[in-house]
Amino acid sequence: ALRTFYRFLLKEGTITADPMVKISAPKMPSRLPVFVTQKDIGVLFKEIEFPKTFNGVKDRLIMEMFYATGIRLSELLTMKDADVNMYNLTIKVFGKRSKERIIPIPAILKEYIKAYREERNKLGLKGEYFFVSDKGKKLYEKQVYLIVHHYLSMITTIDKKSPHVLRHTFATHL
């Protein structure tokens, strides 16, 4: 605030020299991102029972995909069915500033993707987007946020329970 004030006074001609030039501001410590512990993630995928319904299979795949790939929420929502390459085990996504990225997916996701596609096709919900609701519509941010919040609430006490926390968890555990 003082630096800006003295710069203003200098510009207005009230003072001729800036006394703040020789003063350096203290460094603020950077905060570490919030993440879920490996133990809690283990509990989520080994002990939490996901329903054997379309929504349960979809929810499991969403949670696995966030944790296994570090994908952003916006990338997950705009992912098309054709962007998932099961042969090369990759996903093509459009990230920030319309940059295209190819994300490798672990082999374990192959089974979850296959199960999700089978459930989705069984209900006749195949559409343009990979992830759809049980009504066949494209998922929206709040739906995915609520899914992630629901399952993270079962396993952890951290305050922030969002898709981005799973992205940080992916990076931290990597």
C-alpha atoms as a PDB file:
ATOM      1  CA  ALA A   1       0.000   0.000   0.000  1.00  0.00           C
ATOM      2  CA  LEU A   2       2.821   2.398   0.863  1.00  0.00           C
ATOM      3  CA  ARG A   3       4.663   1.587  -2.352  1.00  0.00           C
ATOM      4  CA  THR A   4       1.570   2.464  -4.393  1.00  0.00           C
ATOM      5  CA  PHE A   5       0.933   5.611  -2.339  1.00  0.00           C
ATOM      6  CA  TYR A   6       4.472   6.932  -2.854  1.00  0.00           C
ATOM      7  CA  ARG A   7       4.307   6.080  -6.572  1.00  0.00           C
ATOM      8  CA  PHE A   8       1.117   8.172  -6.758  1.00  0.00           C
ATOM      9  CA  LEU A   9       2.782  11.078  -4.910  1.00  0.00           C
ATOM     10  CA  LEU A  10       5.765  10.866  -7.285  1.00  0.00           C
ATOM     11  CA  LYS A  11       3.456  10.958 -10.311  1.00  0.00           C
ATOM     12  CA  GLU A  12       1.531  13.932  -8.898  1.00  0.00           C
ATOM     13  CA  GLY A  13       4.792  15.790  -8.251  1.00  0.00           C
ATOM     14  CA  THR A  14       4.221  16.076  -4.505  1.00  0.00           C
ATOM     15  CA  ILE A  15       7.551  14.313  -3.799  1.00  0.00           C
ATOM     16  CA  THR A  16      10.721  14.033  -5.889  1.00  0.00           C
ATOM     17  CA  ALA A  17      12.080  10.690  -4.635  1.00  0.00           C
ATOM     18  CA  ASP A  18      10.367   7.434  -3.707  1.00  0.00           C
ATOM     19  CA  PRO A  19      11.489   6.376  -0.190  1.00  0.00           C
ATOM     20  CA  MET A  20      10.146   2.841  -0.778  1.00  0.00           C
ATOM     21  CA  VAL A  21      12.758   2.020  -3.453  1.00  0.00           C
ATOM     22  CA  LYS A  22      15.244   0.713  -0.870  1.00  0.00           C
ATOM     23  CA  ILE A  23      12.689  -1.293   1.116  1.00  0.00           C
ATOM     24  CA  SER A  24      12.014  -4.874   0.116  1.00  0.00           C
ATOM     25  CA  ALA A  25       8.722  -6.514   1.014  1.00  0.00           C
ATOM     26  CA  PRO A  26       8.753  -9.650   3.176  1.00  0.00           C
ATOM     27  CA  LYS A  27       8.208 -12.919   1.355  1.00  0.00           C
ATOM     28  CA  MET A  28       4.870 -14.515   2.033  1.00  0.00           C
ATOM     29  CA  PRO A  29       5.052 -18.259   2.591  1.00  0.00           C
ATOM     30  CA  SER A  30       3.249 -20.175  -0.139  1.00  0.00           C
ATOM     31  CA  ARG A  31       0.448 -22.452   0.983  1.00  0.00           C
ATOM     32  CA  LEU A  32       0.592 -26.112   0.113  1.00  0.00           C
ATOM     33  CA  PRO A  33      -2.384 -27.389  -1.852  1.00  0.00           C
ATOM     34  CA  VAL A  34      -5.005 -29.457  -0.035  1.00  0.00           C
ATOM     35  CA  PHE A  35      -4.932 -33.151  -0.924  1.00  0.00           C
ATOM     36  CA  VAL A  36      -6.353 -36.477   0.252  1.00  0.00           C
ATOM     37  CA  THR A  37      -3.942 -38.907   1.911  1.00  0.00           C
ATOM     38  CA  GLN A  38      -3.005 -42.164   0.200  1.00  0.00           C
ATOM     39  CA  LYS A  39      -4.600 -44.087   3.058  1.00  0.00           C
ATOM     40  CA  ASP A  40      -7.928 -42.294   2.532  1.00  0.00           C
ATOM     41  CA  ILE A  41      -7.777 -42.819  -1.233  1.00  0.00           C
ATOM     42  CA  GLY A  42      -7.151 -46.513  -0.564  1.00  0.00           C
ATOM     43  CA  VAL A  43     -10.267 -46.603   1.618  1.00  0.00           C
ATOM     44  CA  LEU A  44     -12.292 -44.867  -1.108  1.00  0.00           C
ATOM     45  CA  PHE A  45     -11.435 -47.341  -3.853  1.00  0.00           C
ATOM     46  CA  LYS A  46     -11.175 -50.531  -1.781  1.00  0.00           C
ATOM     47  CA  GLU A  47     -13.800 -50.202   0.947  1.00  0.00           C
ATOM     48  CA  ILE A  48     -16.483 -47.774  -0.249  1.00  0.00           C
ATOM     49  CA  GLU A  49     -19.209 -49.626  -2.104  1.00  0.00           C
ATOM     50  CA  PHE A  50     -20.304 -47.878  -5.289  1.00  0.00           C
ATOM     51  CA  PRO A  51     -23.835 -48.901  -6.368  1.00  0.00           C
ATOM     52  CA  LYS A  52     -24.098 -51.387  -9.236  1.00  0.00           C
ATOM     53  CA  THR A  53     -26.359 -48.985 -11.145  1.00  0.00           C
ATOM     54  CA  PHE A  54     -25.544 -46.710 -14.084  1.00  0.00           C
ATOM     55  CA  ASN A  55     -24.972 -43.787 -11.705  1.00  0.00           C
ATOM     56  CA  GLY A  56     -22.783 -45.898  -9.419  1.00  0.00           C
ATOM     57  CA  VAL A  57     -20.605 -47.063 -12.323  1.00  0.00           C
ATOM     58  CA  LYS A  58     -20.406 -43.485 -13.643  1.00  0.00           C
ATOM     59  CA  ASP A  59     -19.514 -42.098 -10.215  1.00  0.00           C
ATOM     60  CA  ARG A  60     -16.762 -44.682  -9.729  1.00  0.00           C
ATOM     61  CA  LEU A  61     -15.280 -43.882 -13.150  1.00  0.00           C
ATOM     62  CA  ILE A  62     -15.378 -40.131 -12.468  1.00  0.00           C
ATOM     63  CA  MET A  63     -13.578 -40.556  -9.139  1.00  0.00           C
ATOM     64  CA  GLU A  64     -11.026 -42.951 -10.633  1.00  0.00           C
ATOM     65  CA  MET A  65     -10.440 -40.682 -13.614  1.00  0.00           C
ATOM     66  CA  PHE A  66      -9.787 -37.590 -11.496  1.00  0.00           C
ATOM     67  CA  TYR A  67      -7.357 -39.472  -9.283  1.00  0.00           C
ATOM     68  CA  ALA A  68      -5.636 -41.564 -11.957  1.00  0.00           C
ATOM     69  CA  THR A  69      -5.166 -38.846 -14.597  1.00  0.00           C
ATOM     70  CA  GLY A  70      -5.260 -35.462 -12.847  1.00  0.00           C
ATOM     71  CA  ILE A  71      -7.796 -34.271 -15.406  1.00  0.00           C
ATOM     72  CA  ARG A  72      -9.479 -30.894 -14.861  1.00  0.00           C
ATOM     73  CA  LEU A  73     -13.233 -30.681 -14.277  1.00  0.00           C
ATOM     74  CA  SER A  74     -13.767 -28.704 -17.492  1.00  0.00           C
ATOM     75  CA  GLU A  75     -11.765 -31.281 -19.455  1.00  0.00           C
ATOM     76  CA  LEU A  76     -13.816 -34.140 -18.023  1.00  0.00           C
ATOM     77  CA  LEU A  77     -17.104 -32.425 -18.867  1.00  0.00           C
ATOM     78  CA  THR A  78     -16.187 -31.610 -22.478  1.00  0.00           C
ATOM     79  CA  MET A  79     -14.626 -34.988 -23.243  1.00  0.00           C
ATOM     80  CA  LYS A  80     -16.272 -36.642 -26.231  1.00  0.00           C
ATOM     81  CA  ASP A  81     -16.754 -40.378 -26.679  1.00  0.00           C
ATOM     82  CA  ALA A  82     -14.305 -40.377 -29.621  1.00  0.00           C
ATOM     83  CA  ASP A  83     -11.628 -38.751 -27.417  1.00  0.00           C
ATOM     84  CA  VAL A  84     -11.207 -41.945 -25.388  1.00  0.00           C
ATOM     85  CA  ASN A  85      -8.765 -44.226 -27.207  1.00  0.00           C
ATOM     86  CA  MET A  86      -8.901 -47.682 -25.635  1.00  0.00           C
ATOM     87  CA  TYR A  87      -6.235 -49.068 -27.998  1.00  0.00           C
ATOM     88  CA  ASN A  88      -3.527 -46.550 -26.997  1.00  0.00           C
ATOM     89  CA  LEU A  89      -4.996 -45.994 -23.506  1.00  0.00           C
ATOM     90  CA  THR A  90      -5.142 -42.227 -23.950  1.00  0.00           C
ATOM     91  CA  ILE A  91      -7.681 -39.457 -23.617  1.00  0.00           C
ATOM     92  CA  LYS A  92      -7.630 -36.359 -25.800  1.00  0.00           C
ATOM     93  CA  VAL A  93      -8.813 -33.309 -23.867  1.00  0.00           C
ATOM     94  CA  PHE A  94      -9.089 -29.605 -24.523  1.00  0.00           C
ATOM     95  CA  GLY A  95      -7.684 -27.774 -21.531  1.00  0.00           C
ATOM     96  CA  LYS A  96      -7.146 -24.179 -20.580  1.00  0.00           C
ATOM     97  CA  ARG A  97      -6.870 -21.691 -23.425  1.00  0.00           C
ATOM     98  CA  SER A  98      -8.126 -24.377 -25.861  1.00  0.00           C
ATOM     99  CA  LYS A  99      -4.906 -26.348 -25.673  1.00  0.00           C
ATOM    100  CA  GLU A 100      -5.225 -29.956 -26.725  1.00  0.00           C
ATOM    101  CA  ARG A 101      -3.555 -32.514 -24.447  1.00  0.00           C
ATOM    102  CA  ILE A 102      -3.179 -36.256 -24.674  1.00  0.00           C
ATOM    103  CA  ILE A 103      -3.448 -37.864 -21.243  1.00  0.00           C
ATOM    104  CA  PRO A 104      -2.305 -41.459 -20.729  1.00  0.00           C
ATOM    105  CA  ILE A 105      -4.735 -43.538 -18.726  1.00  0.00           C
ATOM    106  CA  PRO A 106      -3.692 -46.444 -16.511  1.00  0.00           C
ATOM    107  CA  ALA A 107      -4.766 -49.944 -17.513  1.00  0.00           C
ATOM    108  CA  ILE A 108      -7.053 -50.209 -14.459  1.00  0.00           C
ATOM    109  CA  LEU A 109      -9.279 -47.502 -15.939  1.00  0.00           C
ATOM    110  CA  LYS A 110      -9.840 -49.632 -19.033  1.00  0.00           C
ATOM    111  CA  GLU A 111     -12.195 -51.950 -17.116  1.00  0.00           C
ATOM    112  CA  TYR A 112     -14.118 -49.062 -15.545  1.00  0.00           C
ATOM    113  CA  ILE A 113     -14.493 -47.330 -18.918  1.00  0.00           C
ATOM    114  CA  LYS A 114     -15.700 -50.559 -20.496  1.00  0.00           C
ATOM    115  CA  ALA A 115     -18.239 -51.112 -17.677  1.00  0.00           C
ATOM    116  CA  TYR A 116     -19.465 -47.508 -17.948  1.00  0.00           C
ATOM    117  CA  ARG A 117     -19.900 -47.731 -21.727  1.00  0.00           C
ATOM    118  CA  GLU A 118     -21.818 -51.009 -21.362  1.00  0.00           C
ATOM    119  CA  GLU A 119     -24.188 -49.509 -18.763  1.00  0.00           C
ATOM    120  CA  ARG A 120     -24.622 -46.331 -20.801  1.00  0.00           C
ATOM    121  CA  ASN A 121     -25.331 -48.244 -24.024  1.00  0.00           C
ATOM    122  CA  LYS A 122     -27.703 -50.629 -22.205  1.00  0.00           C
ATOM    123  CA  LEU A 123     -29.819 -47.601 -21.275  1.00  0.00           C
ATOM    124  CA  GLY A 124     -29.494 -46.103 -24.771  1.00  0.00           C
ATOM    125  CA  LEU A 125     -27.736 -42.985 -23.472  1.00  0.00           C
ATOM    126  CA  LYS A 126     -24.990 -42.757 -26.077  1.00  0.00           C
ATOM    127  CA  GLY A 127     -24.527 -39.148 -27.096  1.00  0.00           C
ATOM    128  CA  GLU A 128     -21.904 -36.672 -28.168  1.00  0.00           C
ATOM    129  CA  TYR A 129     -20.235 -36.410 -24.761  1.00  0.00           C
ATOM    130  CA  PHE A 130     -18.525 -39.243 -22.917  1.00  0.00           C
ATOM    131  CA  PHE A 131     -20.085 -38.547 -19.522  1.00  0.00           C
ATOM    132  CA  VAL A 132     -23.850 -38.175 -19.533  1.00  0.00           C
ATOM    133  CA  SER A 133     -26.531 -38.155 -16.865  1.00  0.00           C
ATOM    134  CA  ASP A 134     -29.085 -40.929 -16.496  1.00  0.00           C
ATOM    135  CA  LYS A 135     -31.322 -38.762 -18.712  1.00  0.00           C
ATOM    136  CA  GLY A 136     -28.721 -38.757 -21.523  1.00  0.00           C
ATOM    137  CA  LYS A 137     -27.763 -35.094 -21.068  1.00  0.00           C
ATOM    138  CA  LYS A 138     -24.241 -33.726 -20.749  1.00  0.00           C
ATOM    139  CA  LEU A 139     -23.139 -33.520 -17.121  1.00  0.00           C
ATOM    140  CA  TYR A 140     -22.738 -30.073 -15.634  1.00  0.00           C
ATOM    141  CA  GLU A 141     -20.163 -28.839 -13.113  1.00  0.00           C
ATOM    142  CA  LYS A 142     -22.416 -28.924 -10.071  1.00  0.00           C
ATOM    143  CA  GLN A 143     -23.368 -32.573 -10.670  1.00  0.00           C
ATOM    144  CA  VAL A 144     -19.733 -33.666 -10.763  1.00  0.00           C
ATOM    145  CA  TYR A 145     -18.857 -31.446  -7.800  1.00  0.00           C
ATOM    146  CA  LEU A 146     -21.651 -33.069  -5.755  1.00  0.00           C
ATOM    147  CA  ILE A 147     -20.486 -36.584  -6.727  1.00  0.00           C
ATOM    148  CA  VAL A 148     -16.915 -35.827  -5.656  1.00  0.00           C
ATOM    149  CA  HIS A 149     -18.042 -34.066  -2.473  1.00  0.00           C
ATOM    150  CA  HIS A 150     -20.291 -37.009  -1.538  1.00  0.00           C
ATOM    151  CA  TYR A 151     -17.570 -39.649  -1.832  1.00  0.00           C
ATOM    152  CA  LEU A 152     -14.787 -37.544  -0.301  1.00  0.00           C
ATOM    153  CA  SER A 153     -17.077 -36.798   2.672  1.00  0.00           C
ATOM    154  CA  MET A 154     -17.164 -40.530   3.371  1.00  0.00           C
ATOM    155  CA  ILE A 155     -13.384 -40.838   3.707  1.00  0.00           C
ATOM    156  CA  THR A 156     -11.788 -37.569   4.807  1.00  0.00           C
ATOM    157  CA  THR A 157     -12.244 -34.622   7.122  1.00  0.00           C
ATOM    158  CA  ILE A 158     -10.523 -32.010   4.945  1.00  0.00           C
ATOM    159  CA  ASP A 159     -12.592 -28.865   4.483  1.00  0.00           C
ATOM    160  CA  LYS A 160     -12.365 -28.601   0.707  1.00  0.00           C
ATOM    161  CA  LYS A 161     -13.834 -31.579  -1.138  1.00  0.00           C
ATOM    162  CA  SER A 162     -13.797 -30.745  -4.838  1.00  0.00           C
ATOM    163  CA  PRO A 163     -12.612 -32.187  -8.145  1.00  0.00           C
ATOM    164  CA  HIS A 164      -9.584 -29.895  -7.977  1.00  0.00           C
ATOM    165  CA  VAL A 165      -8.570 -31.471  -4.657  1.00  0.00           C
ATOM    166  CA  LEU A 166      -8.401 -34.807  -6.506  1.00  0.00           C
ATOM    167  CA  ARG A 167      -6.191 -33.136  -9.131  1.00  0.00           C
ATOM    168  CA  HIS A 168      -3.848 -31.998  -6.337  1.00  0.00           C
ATOM    169  CA  THR A 169      -4.028 -35.475  -4.822  1.00  0.00           C
ATOM    170  CA  PHE A 170      -3.001 -37.007  -8.165  1.00  0.00           C
ATOM    171  CA  ALA A 171      -0.015 -34.665  -8.434  1.00  0.00           C
ATOM    172  CA  THR A 172       1.044 -35.136  -4.808  1.00  0.00           C
ATOM    173  CA  HIS A 173       0.876 -38.950  -4.939  1.00  0.00           C
ATOM    174  CA  LEU A 174       2.613 -39.004  -8.309  1.00  0.00           C
END
